[in-house]
Structures are given as structure tokens and as C-alpha cells.
Protein backbone atom coordinates (compact mmCIF):
# COMPACT_ATOMS: atom_id res chain seq x y z
CA MET A 1 76.79 -62.29 37.67
CA ASN A 2 75.21 -58.94 39.33
CA GLU A 3 71.69 -57.98 37.73
CA LEU A 4 70.27 -54.86 37.71
CA SER A 5 66.83 -54.93 39.32
CA LYS A 6 63.65 -52.16 40.14
CA VAL A 7 63.27 -50.49 43.32
CA THR A 8 60.35 -48.37 42.86
CA SER A 9 57.79 -48.44 41.02
CA GLU A 10 57.06 -44.63 41.40
CA ASN A 11 58.43 -41.52 40.23
CA ILE A 12 61.79 -40.83 41.56
CA SER A 13 62.12 -37.34 43.48
CA SER A 14 64.46 -34.58 43.32
CA ASP A 15 66.25 -35.32 46.32
CA VAL A 16 67.47 -38.70 44.49
CA MET A 17 68.37 -36.45 41.70
CA ASP A 18 70.33 -34.14 43.50
CA ARG A 19 71.89 -38.25 45.11
CA GLU A 20 73.09 -39.34 41.22
CA LEU A 21 71.02 -42.24 41.65
CA MET A 22 71.02 -45.11 39.09
CA VAL A 23 67.60 -44.64 36.85
CA THR A 24 65.54 -46.00 34.16
CA TYR A 25 61.96 -45.50 32.64
CA PRO A 26 60.16 -47.47 29.72
CA THR A 27 59.97 -46.34 25.75
CA GLU A 28 56.37 -45.28 25.93
CA ALA A 29 56.93 -41.86 26.01
CA PHE A 30 58.16 -42.46 22.40
CA LEU A 31 56.36 -45.04 21.36
CA SER A 32 53.38 -45.10 22.27
CA LYS A 33 49.98 -43.45 20.60
CA GLU A 34 48.16 -43.53 23.18
CA TYR A 35 51.05 -41.78 25.58
CA LEU A 36 50.38 -39.25 22.20
CA GLU A 37 46.86 -38.89 22.63
CA ALA A 38 47.33 -38.05 27.00
CA GLU A 39 49.98 -35.01 25.56
CA LYS A 40 46.82 -33.56 23.89
CA LYS A 41 45.01 -33.27 27.43
CA LEU A 42 47.58 -33.62 30.05
CA LEU A 43 50.35 -31.65 28.93
CA TRP A 44 50.46 -28.99 26.66
CA PRO A 45 46.74 -27.53 27.40
CA LYS A 46 48.48 -27.10 30.90
CA ILE A 47 52.11 -25.57 30.58
CA TRP A 48 53.77 -22.49 29.74
CA GLN A 49 55.27 -22.81 26.31
CA MET A 50 57.24 -20.36 24.01
CA VAL A 51 55.62 -19.39 20.73
CA GLU A 52 58.22 -16.51 19.16
CA ARG A 53 60.17 -13.80 19.97
CA GLU A 54 58.36 -10.53 20.86
CA THR A 55 59.97 -8.51 18.05
CA ASP A 56 58.16 -10.89 15.56
CA LEU A 57 54.62 -8.89 16.70
CA PRO A 58 56.64 -5.46 17.19
CA ASN A 59 53.75 -3.18 16.21
CA PRO A 60 49.87 -2.94 17.16
CA GLY A 61 47.74 -4.97 14.91
CA ASP A 62 50.83 -7.48 14.66
CA TRP A 63 49.40 -10.99 14.99
CA MET A 64 50.56 -14.86 14.56
CA THR A 65 49.87 -18.15 14.74
CA TYR A 66 51.53 -20.86 17.21
CA ASP A 67 50.44 -24.43 16.79
CA VAL A 68 51.16 -27.83 18.90
CA ALA A 69 49.44 -31.04 18.74
CA GLU A 70 45.93 -30.34 18.18
CA GLU A 71 45.93 -26.94 19.60
CA SER A 72 46.00 -23.16 17.51
CA ILE A 73 46.17 -20.24 18.87
CA VAL A 74 46.04 -16.80 17.56
CA VAL A 75 48.40 -13.86 19.66
CA LEU A 76 48.14 -10.15 18.81
CA ARG A 77 49.69 -7.55 19.65
CA LYS A 78 46.93 -4.44 20.73
CA ASP A 79 46.98 -0.95 20.38
CA ASP A 80 48.38 -0.12 23.95
CA GLY A 81 51.37 -2.50 23.05
CA SER A 82 50.50 -5.26 25.57
CA LEU A 83 50.01 -8.88 23.73
CA LYS A 84 46.43 -10.92 24.07
CA ALA A 85 46.15 -14.42 22.56
CA PHE A 86 42.90 -16.79 21.97
CA HIS A 87 42.15 -20.42 21.04
CA ASN A 88 41.63 -19.56 17.00
CA VAL A 89 38.28 -21.08 17.13
CA CYS A 90 34.66 -19.83 16.64
CA PRO A 91 32.95 -20.62 19.41
CA HIS A 92 29.27 -20.78 16.44
CA ARG A 93 30.81 -24.06 14.80
CA GLY A 94 34.50 -24.38 15.23
CA ARG A 95 35.52 -23.19 12.42
CA GLN A 96 39.35 -21.95 12.49
CA LEU A 97 39.08 -18.10 12.59
CA VAL A 98 42.75 -18.48 10.86
CA SER A 99 43.10 -21.27 8.40
CA VAL A 100 46.16 -22.83 9.55
CA PRO A 101 47.27 -25.87 7.06
CA ASP A 102 49.33 -28.57 8.47
CA MET A 103 53.33 -28.10 8.63
CA LEU A 104 54.30 -28.90 6.00
CA PRO A 105 57.73 -28.91 4.06
CA GLY A 106 58.98 -25.78 3.26
CA LYS A 107 55.13 -24.44 3.00
CA VAL A 108 53.57 -23.78 6.03
CA HIS A 109 55.61 -22.93 9.58
CA ASP A 110 52.86 -20.70 11.14
CA VAL A 111 50.65 -17.57 9.65
CA ARG A 112 50.94 -14.10 10.16
CA GLY A 113 50.29 -11.12 9.50
CA ASN A 114 49.83 -7.10 10.22
CA ASN A 115 47.17 -3.96 11.10
CA ARG A 116 44.35 -6.54 12.03
CA ARG A 117 41.31 -4.98 13.09
CA ASN A 118 39.00 -7.84 14.15
CA PHE A 119 38.67 -11.58 13.10
CA VAL A 120 36.06 -12.47 11.05
CA CYS A 121 34.99 -16.11 10.61
CA GLY A 122 34.86 -17.28 7.02
CA PHE A 123 32.12 -19.67 7.40
CA HIS A 124 28.65 -17.97 8.84
CA GLY A 125 30.84 -13.95 9.43
CA TRP A 126 30.31 -14.14 12.79
CA THR A 127 33.08 -11.30 14.00
CA PHE A 128 34.96 -10.73 16.94
CA ASP A 129 38.01 -7.35 18.09
CA LEU A 130 41.07 -7.79 19.53
CA GLU A 131 39.79 -8.38 22.68
CA GLY A 132 37.57 -11.63 21.80
CA ASN A 133 34.12 -9.41 22.02
CA ASN A 134 32.11 -11.12 19.66
CA THR A 135 30.63 -7.60 17.85
CA TYR A 136 28.59 -9.52 15.11
CA ILE A 137 26.35 -11.89 14.42
CA LEU A 138 23.75 -13.11 11.22
CA ASP A 139 20.03 -13.05 12.65
CA PRO A 140 20.95 -13.43 16.67
CA GLN A 141 17.39 -13.12 16.91
CA ASP A 142 16.75 -16.89 15.66
CA TRP A 143 18.23 -18.21 19.18
CA GLY A 144 15.21 -16.30 20.41
CA GLU A 145 15.84 -12.83 22.63
CA GLY A 146 18.93 -12.66 25.06
CA ALA A 147 19.66 -16.52 24.68
CA LEU A 148 23.26 -15.65 22.99
CA THR A 149 25.16 -13.78 25.71
CA PRO A 150 28.58 -12.29 25.79
CA GLU A 151 29.97 -15.38 27.95
CA MET A 152 28.47 -17.90 24.68
CA THR A 153 30.09 -15.54 21.86
CA CYS A 154 33.12 -14.35 22.76
CA LEU A 155 36.22 -16.32 21.95
CA SER A 156 38.74 -18.52 24.02
CA GLU A 157 40.82 -16.55 25.88
CA VAL A 158 44.91 -17.85 26.29
CA LYS A 159 46.82 -16.85 29.45
CA VAL A 160 49.87 -14.69 27.61
CA ASP A 161 52.71 -13.81 29.16
CA THR A 162 56.59 -12.45 28.28
CA TRP A 163 60.29 -13.35 29.53
CA GLY A 164 63.75 -12.58 28.25
CA GLY A 165 62.07 -11.59 24.84
CA TYR A 166 59.80 -14.51 24.37
CA ILE A 167 56.01 -14.82 24.17
CA TYR A 168 54.75 -17.75 26.10
CA ILE A 169 51.27 -19.07 26.61
CA ASN A 170 49.24 -21.12 28.85
CA MET A 171 46.08 -22.41 27.99
CA ASP A 172 45.38 -23.22 31.23
CA PRO A 173 43.16 -20.41 33.11
CA ASP A 174 44.45 -21.44 36.79
CA CYS A 175 47.85 -21.55 35.74
CA ILE A 176 50.35 -20.69 37.99
CA PRO A 177 52.19 -17.15 36.54
CA LEU A 178 54.82 -17.37 33.91
CA LYS A 179 57.97 -16.21 36.26
CA GLU A 180 56.74 -18.47 38.96
CA TRP A 181 56.93 -21.40 36.44
CA MET A 182 60.56 -19.84 35.32
CA GLY A 183 61.87 -19.90 38.66
CA ARG A 184 65.07 -20.06 39.30
CA ALA A 185 66.24 -21.01 36.22
CA GLY A 186 64.56 -17.70 35.06
CA GLU A 187 66.55 -15.60 37.12
CA ILE A 188 70.03 -16.59 36.26
CA LEU A 189 68.91 -16.09 32.67
CA ASP A 190 67.76 -12.83 33.16
CA HIS A 191 71.36 -11.92 34.07
CA PHE A 192 72.10 -11.84 30.52
CA ASP A 193 69.45 -10.06 28.74
CA LEU A 194 67.97 -12.29 26.24
CA ALA A 195 65.63 -10.22 25.70
CA GLY A 196 68.30 -7.76 24.57
CA MET A 197 69.34 -10.52 21.45
CA ARG A 198 67.77 -10.74 18.07
CA TYR A 199 67.46 -13.60 15.33
CA LYS A 200 70.59 -14.34 13.47
CA TRP A 201 68.84 -17.19 11.80
CA ARG A 202 66.05 -19.72 12.58
CA GLN A 203 65.58 -22.66 10.53
CA TRP A 204 63.05 -25.47 10.85
CA ALA A 205 62.73 -29.07 10.39
CA ILE A 206 59.90 -31.74 10.21
CA TYR A 207 62.27 -34.88 11.46
CA PRO A 208 61.76 -38.67 11.87
CA CYS A 209 61.84 -39.18 15.41
CA ASN A 210 59.69 -38.32 18.89
CA TRP A 211 59.73 -34.60 19.73
CA LYS A 212 61.63 -35.98 23.15
CA VAL A 213 64.42 -38.07 21.21
CA ALA A 214 64.73 -34.79 19.08
CA ILE A 215 65.38 -32.04 22.66
CA GLU A 216 67.51 -34.96 24.93
CA ALA A 217 69.70 -35.04 21.66
CA PHE A 218 70.79 -31.68 23.12
CA LEU A 219 70.43 -31.95 26.42
CA GLU A 220 73.66 -32.99 27.31
CA PRO A 221 77.46 -33.07 26.29
CA TYR A 222 77.57 -36.12 27.67
CA HIS A 223 78.01 -37.27 23.18
CA VAL A 224 80.26 -35.57 22.14
CA ALA A 225 82.99 -38.12 22.44
CA GLY A 226 81.08 -40.86 20.58
CA THR A 227 79.04 -38.28 18.39
CA HIS A 228 81.15 -35.58 17.08
CA THR A 229 84.35 -36.94 17.84
CA GLN A 230 86.62 -34.66 15.77
CA LEU A 231 86.49 -32.03 18.49
CA LEU A 232 88.50 -33.40 21.05
CA ALA A 233 90.95 -32.66 19.48
CA TYR A 234 90.56 -28.99 21.01
CA GLY A 235 89.21 -29.69 24.43
CA ASP A 236 87.64 -31.77 26.97
CA TYR A 237 84.04 -32.77 27.03
CA TYR A 238 83.28 -34.23 31.06
CA ALA A 239 79.92 -32.82 32.28
CA LEU A 240 77.54 -32.32 34.69
CA SER A 241 73.75 -31.62 34.84
CA LYS A 242 72.18 -30.56 37.50
CA GLN A 243 68.32 -29.80 38.12
CA TYR A 244 66.00 -26.53 39.33
CA GLY A 245 62.20 -28.18 39.68
CA LEU A 246 61.00 -28.46 36.12
CA HIS A 247 64.48 -26.92 34.60
CA SER A 248 67.82 -28.10 34.31
CA VAL A 249 71.31 -26.99 33.56
CA SER A 250 74.30 -28.85 31.87
CA SER A 251 77.28 -27.84 32.54
CA TYR A 252 81.00 -28.19 31.15
CA ASP A 253 82.99 -29.72 34.08
CA THR A 254 86.87 -30.61 34.58
CA ARG A 255 88.87 -33.29 36.37
CA ASP A 256 92.08 -30.94 36.15
CA ASP A 257 91.97 -28.32 38.79
CA LYS A 258 93.47 -26.07 37.02
CA PHE A 259 90.84 -25.42 34.24
CA LYS A 260 88.13 -24.77 37.12
CA MET A 261 87.43 -20.83 36.71
CA SER A 262 84.06 -19.76 36.70
CA GLU A 263 83.86 -19.10 32.57
CA SER A 264 85.12 -23.02 32.72
CA ALA A 265 81.24 -24.23 32.85
CA GLY A 266 80.17 -22.67 29.65
CA THR A 267 81.58 -22.34 25.65
CA THR A 268 83.87 -20.00 26.65
CA ARG A 269 86.76 -21.42 28.58
CA ALA A 270 90.04 -23.09 27.93
CA GLY A 271 91.19 -25.41 24.55
CA LYS A 272 93.51 -28.56 25.86
CA GLY A 273 96.90 -28.33 24.67
CA ASP A 274 100.51 -26.99 25.98
CA ASP A 275 100.08 -23.62 25.23
CA PRO A 276 96.31 -22.28 25.93
CA ARG A 277 97.14 -19.42 23.86
CA VAL A 278 96.39 -21.51 20.71
CA SER A 279 94.04 -24.02 21.80
CA THR A 280 91.55 -21.34 23.05
CA TYR A 281 91.59 -20.09 20.02
CA GLU A 282 90.81 -23.40 17.90
CA LEU A 283 88.56 -24.97 20.42
CA ILE A 284 86.31 -21.52 19.65
CA ARG A 285 87.27 -21.17 15.92
CA GLU A 286 86.42 -25.33 15.49
CA ASN A 287 82.79 -24.63 17.58
CA TYR A 288 81.85 -21.86 15.88
CA GLU A 289 82.18 -22.87 12.01
CA THR A 290 80.95 -26.15 12.49
CA VAL A 291 77.62 -25.13 14.68
CA ASN A 292 76.58 -22.79 11.94
CA TYR A 293 78.20 -20.28 12.89
CA SER A 294 76.28 -20.23 16.58
CA ALA A 295 77.22 -20.76 20.15
CA SER A 296 79.63 -18.28 20.19
CA THR A 297 80.39 -15.00 18.02
CA GLU A 298 82.85 -13.75 14.86
CA THR A 299 83.73 -10.89 17.75
CA LEU A 300 84.59 -13.86 20.71
CA VAL A 301 86.51 -15.88 17.73
CA LYS A 302 89.30 -12.86 16.63
CA ALA A 303 89.48 -11.68 20.05
CA ALA A 304 90.57 -15.50 20.82
CA SER A 305 92.70 -15.23 17.55
CA ARG A 306 95.00 -13.11 18.43
CA LEU A 307 95.17 -14.39 22.14
CA VAL A 308 98.82 -15.89 20.60
CA ASP A 309 100.21 -12.21 19.74
CA GLU A 310 98.94 -10.50 23.01
CA LEU A 311 100.40 -12.68 25.98
CA PRO A 312 103.38 -14.35 26.43
CA GLU A 313 104.14 -18.01 26.30
CA THR A 314 103.74 -18.49 30.26
CA ALA A 315 100.51 -17.90 30.59
CA THR A 316 98.23 -19.36 32.10
CA PRO A 317 94.47 -20.79 30.58
CA ALA A 318 93.16 -18.67 33.41
CA GLU A 319 94.97 -15.39 32.24
CA CYS A 320 93.87 -16.53 28.61
CA ILE A 321 90.28 -16.42 29.54
CA ALA A 322 90.19 -13.49 31.52
CA HIS A 323 92.45 -11.60 28.37
CA TRP A 324 90.09 -12.92 25.91
CA ILE A 325 87.01 -11.57 27.54
CA LYS A 326 88.21 -8.23 27.64
CA SER A 327 89.14 -8.38 24.82
CA ALA A 328 86.30 -9.13 22.86
CA LYS A 329 84.41 -7.19 25.54
CA ALA A 330 86.32 -3.90 24.28
CA ASP A 331 86.01 -5.26 20.78
CA ASP A 332 82.44 -5.05 20.72
CA ALA A 333 81.83 -2.00 22.95
CA ALA A 334 83.95 0.11 19.62
CA ARG A 335 81.00 -0.99 17.28
CA GLY A 336 78.26 -0.74 19.72
CA VAL A 337 76.85 -3.80 21.34
CA ILE A 338 77.14 -3.50 25.72
CA TRP A 339 77.96 -6.61 27.01
CA PRO A 340 75.84 -7.24 30.36
CA GLU A 341 77.51 -7.29 33.34
CA VAL A 342 77.08 -11.50 34.80
CA PRO A 343 78.43 -11.69 38.58
CA PRO A 344 80.78 -14.67 38.27
CA GLU A 345 79.33 -16.30 40.56
CA ILE A 346 75.67 -16.61 38.30
CA LYS A 347 77.91 -17.05 35.58
CA GLN A 348 79.45 -20.29 37.33
CA GLU A 349 75.62 -21.55 38.36
CA SER A 350 74.27 -20.60 34.71
CA GLY A 351 76.64 -22.93 32.87
CA LEU A 352 76.84 -24.41 29.69
CA ALA A 353 72.69 -24.56 28.59
CA TRP A 354 69.67 -24.84 30.21
CA GLY A 355 66.41 -27.01 29.61
CA LEU A 356 63.44 -25.21 30.01
CA TRP A 357 60.65 -28.13 30.38
CA PRO A 358 59.90 -29.51 28.45
CA ASN A 359 61.00 -28.57 25.19
CA GLN A 360 63.19 -25.53 24.96
CA ASN A 361 67.24 -25.34 25.25
CA ILE A 362 69.18 -22.74 25.55
CA LEU A 363 72.53 -22.22 25.16
CA HIS A 364 74.04 -18.90 25.92
CA GLY A 365 76.94 -16.28 26.38
CA GLU A 366 76.46 -12.18 27.15
CA THR A 367 75.95 -12.07 23.48
CA PHE A 368 74.24 -14.72 22.01
CA ALA A 369 72.28 -18.19 22.44
CA LEU A 370 71.97 -21.21 20.26
CA CYS A 371 68.10 -22.09 20.91
CA TYR A 372 65.75 -25.62 20.85
CA ARG A 373 62.45 -26.11 20.67
CA VAL A 374 60.21 -29.21 19.58
CA ARG A 375 56.91 -29.93 18.92
CA PRO A 376 55.13 -33.32 18.15
CA TYR A 377 54.03 -33.57 14.60
CA GLY A 378 50.49 -34.58 13.91
CA ASP A 379 48.64 -38.35 15.50
CA ASP A 380 52.63 -39.93 15.04
CA PRO A 381 54.65 -40.36 18.04
CA ASN A 382 57.49 -41.18 15.49
CA LYS A 383 57.80 -37.34 13.75
CA CYS A 384 58.23 -33.95 15.63
CA VAL A 385 58.57 -30.40 14.32
CA PHE A 386 62.44 -29.42 15.42
CA GLU A 387 63.22 -26.25 15.23
CA SER A 388 66.85 -24.32 16.00
CA TYR A 389 67.83 -20.92 15.64
CA ALA A 390 70.48 -18.12 17.32
CA LEU A 391 70.60 -14.97 18.98
CA GLU A 392 73.29 -12.71 18.87
CA ARG A 393 73.96 -9.07 20.36
CA PHE A 394 73.57 -5.89 17.34
CA PRO A 395 74.84 -3.28 17.43
CA GLU A 396 70.98 -1.60 16.96
CA GLY A 397 69.35 -1.94 13.68
CA GLU A 398 72.02 -3.68 12.36
CA GLU A 399 70.38 -7.13 12.96
CA PRO A 400 69.69 -9.17 10.31
CA LYS A 401 65.93 -9.40 8.80
CA THR A 402 64.76 -13.28 9.39
CA GLU A 403 62.01 -15.25 8.03
CA TRP A 404 62.05 -19.34 9.31
CA VAL A 405 63.53 -20.94 6.79
CA TYR A 406 62.60 -24.67 6.12
CA ALA A 407 65.72 -26.66 5.92
CA GLU A 408 66.05 -30.53 4.84
CA PRO A 409 68.48 -31.87 7.86
CA ASN A 410 71.92 -31.98 6.67
CA GLY A 411 75.55 -30.81 7.23
CA GLU A 412 74.88 -28.36 4.23
CA ASN A 413 72.54 -26.62 5.94
CA TRP A 414 72.66 -26.93 9.09
CA GLY A 415 76.48 -27.18 9.72
CA SER A 416 78.46 -30.25 10.47
CA VAL A 417 78.35 -30.52 13.96
CA LEU A 418 74.05 -30.18 14.41
CA ALA A 419 74.06 -32.90 10.79
CA GLN A 420 76.10 -35.38 13.29
CA ASP A 421 73.12 -34.90 15.57
CA PHE A 422 70.47 -35.51 13.84
CA SER A 423 72.03 -38.84 12.46
CA ASN A 424 71.90 -40.15 15.85
CA MET A 425 68.15 -39.12 16.73
CA GLU A 426 66.09 -41.56 13.83
CA PHE A 427 68.32 -43.93 14.51
CA VAL A 428 67.31 -44.05 18.04
CA GLN A 429 63.85 -43.49 17.48
CA LYS A 430 64.16 -47.01 15.80
CA GLY A 431 66.27 -48.66 18.32
CA MET A 432 63.98 -47.76 20.67
CA LYS A 433 61.44 -50.56 19.35
CA SER A 434 64.08 -53.33 19.65
CA SER A 435 62.77 -56.33 21.47
CA GLY A 436 66.68 -56.39 23.12
CA PHE A 437 66.16 -52.37 24.14
CA ARG A 438 65.37 -53.18 28.09
CA GLY A 439 64.95 -49.08 28.76
CA PRO A 440 67.84 -46.12 29.03
CA LEU A 441 69.73 -46.50 31.31
CA PRO A 442 70.90 -42.42 31.43
CA ASN A 443 74.04 -41.05 32.98
CA PRO A 444 72.92 -40.19 36.72
CA HIS A 445 75.96 -37.36 36.88
CA GLN A 446 76.01 -35.92 33.22
CA GLU A 447 73.09 -37.13 31.90
CA GLN A 448 70.28 -35.46 34.70
CA LYS A 449 68.84 -33.25 32.82
CA VAL A 450 67.34 -36.09 30.20
CA ILE A 451 66.57 -37.68 33.67
CA ASN A 452 64.68 -34.31 34.72
CA LEU A 453 62.59 -33.90 31.34
CA HIS A 454 61.46 -37.46 32.16
CA ARG A 455 60.76 -37.34 35.92
CA ASN A 456 58.22 -34.43 35.24
CA LEU A 457 56.77 -35.77 32.78
CA ALA A 458 54.71 -38.30 34.54
CA ASP A 459 53.73 -35.91 37.24
CA TRP A 460 52.06 -33.99 34.75
CA MET A 461 51.08 -37.60 32.67
CA GLU A 462 49.41 -39.26 35.21
CA GLY A 463 52.43 -41.42 36.26
CA ARG A 464 52.78 -42.59 32.72
CA GLY A 465 56.66 -42.78 31.98
CA ALA A 466 57.62 -42.89 35.71
CA VAL A 467 61.44 -42.69 36.86
CA THR A 468 62.29 -45.61 38.24
CA LEU A 469 64.78 -46.58 40.63
CA TYR A 470 67.69 -49.08 40.24
CA HIS A 471 69.97 -51.23 42.28
CA LYS A 472 72.05 -54.11 42.06
CA ASN A 473 71.41 -57.24 43.71
């Protein structure tokens, strides 16, 4: 009998990723409290991470808090329209400038406000302007003449930048620019003009699994056949994934060449069945309705429903897709929604969904995006803050008014497909604690996004949880 044995003890390279070789990694990243403590020092204070959409801070004086692990950040819009970010802590005795209670179910997601002119510490009244400069100290003479310098008494600044309509922060003063961090992933997604989209809905929950278990559940379509079995009646879900350095992309792959086209890698694709006019509609309708009315748009669903009336029975899958997209694009234009022009080669490379390392996933189209973000919750490696939201392109002024809504993880709140994903996550967390679990064996072709998550984590976490190569004896 062939047995599996490790042949390396060091983290694998991107070359190994591209060769799609068999790998594994330990479970400490999911279960270890020591690993969680190390994340607080080595990961979250060192990386670019998404805070919110730019539209959440539209006006001068608008501000909000963002918390991750034990870090709390205040981000604000200045009078000149630029953004500023600071650690949410007074340099005097360490009190939070803005009191942020723990993220409690149904109560606190973040703290935000508007018309902010300064920050006043509630403990001793030290005051700071929107540049972070200290403007008031009670009895400064008590420290001695000139003892308290501006550098000692100002707020600790945090790097802030924007991409794709998102606000990002980085606590590391020596970090690389955000554009460099995004790399080719950012270049590709720029074609889809995410900045022009607005929230359709946004929900969050505190969920009983590690944040990495949560994001992994949405990094690959390999699980569809085992988890979302009802979808198999409408389409094939064979997939591939590919690393792009820090980030990675998943795409629908095709075993049959007749279905290969630039659109076939993403959600805009032909369904399975003898009549692609019917199956294309059934596939997009089922996905849209069961994924909480996201991952597509009503315009696309309605345009697909007309294929059977507008095309002959002899229409090929490629002809169905071309007609569908042309019709939906015209329908949207008539209501004031203009699609970005995405070249076919970019659409093919852009695939289905991007894992933006470490804790974001964006499933995208020209007029929509279904997105996820996860964060650790407190000191418990068995819990996380899970967030999902839908973006869509709306006519000017017709976007819905949304806020973050706490939603218990069930089908009524999230739709049947997301509820099926929730049904796995908790029990993956429990199952990995079994003494009978020998370690993950991710699919090298279809789950490369999952592997890439851990490969990059090990690099930042000083080798903890390294991804190792296996071979058969």
C-alpha cells in the first residue's frame, strides 16, 4: 500500500503552487490560541485590510471605527475630502478615544458619526484635531517646561488608502503602497469598476468557527457537488483556481470544449441541458434566488428568461450568452445603468471570484459583486466575525439605504445556499480537533486559493502553519 509522507518541512513556493502538487498543512492556524496571539503581532498590524466602502464616509467630518483582533482604528473624512486614520487610543493613559464595546450579537458592529471637529479623551480631556495633533492638555506645566513634545502627545497615525471604492488601512508605517499590495488582482478587478457599485444589502454574524475556516468555505466551488446538491440540476461546477502572489482567483472550468468562451469562467455562463436557452435561464435564476438575491441582478435574470422567445431552438451556448449579455446591457442602459467595457481576455482571466489575502473574497460581474470578509472574534480561535454583502450598479440616486444588520446564520436570513455553507463551517472547526484527522488534503487544481491562503500566512507568521509537499512512496 502506498503511504503519504512529507518530503519538505519548509513552506512551498509559488512554483509548487503552479505545478498543482499535493500538499498539506497543520491545523494550528485554526485551533491554536498561541497562533491567534501571534496573529495579533505578526499579521493584523502588518497588512493592508479593508475597512468599509468610501460611500460610508461621504462628507467632511464623517468618521467610523474599525476593530480587528485587539486593534481599534478611527478613520475619518477631512475637510479637503481626503481620509485620515489613527489608532483609537489616547497617548496619555491609553483610554480609547471612541468607546467601542465588544462586537455583541445584534448590538455593535462599529461606531460611527458625522460633523466631527475634534476628539476629546473622556478620561482627562486631552483633545486632538483631525490631523491628530494635540490641542489641549490640562496643566501641562506639571510635567516640566517643554517636557511634553508634540511627537509624544499626538495620536498614532495609521496608513490609509482606497481601491475599488473600498477604504483600506495598514498599521505598519513601513508598508508597501496599497496599489503594489493589490498587484495583478487589483489591475484585473479595476476593469469591473467596483467603485461604481453600491450596497444592496450587508449582514454580519458572530459564528462558531475560526476566521480561516469561514473564508475557506467561499474560496472554491469544489464543494458545490457535496454541499449545494440542488444546483447540480442546472449547471456543472468543475473548477480551477490559480495563485497571483498574495491573492488568488477561482474560475469555473469546463470539461467540454463546446462550452469554452471568455464568459464561461464566471457566473455569466450557459447552464447544462439540451436547450441552452432554457438551461442558461434556469441556472442564473436558481443562483440568484437562493444566494439571497445576489451574485447576479434582476436585469440579468429577466433577460435570460426571454432567451427561449428571442432565439431559435438551434441557438448554441455561445449564441445564447452573446444575446443574453447584449439584451441585459441594453435593458440596464435604458434605466441609466452603464456597464464597464471589460475586454474578453480580461473577463477570461478575471474568473469567478478573487480571494484578496487574507480575509476578503469578491465574486464579481460587470454590474454586481457578492463579497465576504472575516475577522477573529476576541481571544477565541473557535469564533469569528463573519460578514457578507452584495454590491450592485444602480441608477444614480436609486441605490437602497443600507446598514450592517446582525443576522443569525440561517436560511431565512441568508438564503438557502449560504445556510448550506454555514452548515459546514461549524463542523469543520469541530472535526479538525479529532485525533483521527491527519491534516488537510486540499485539491491542488480546484482549491489552490485555500492553499495559497495558508502559504502566505506561513510567510507572515514566521513559518507557523507552513504548507508542505507530499509524495507517494
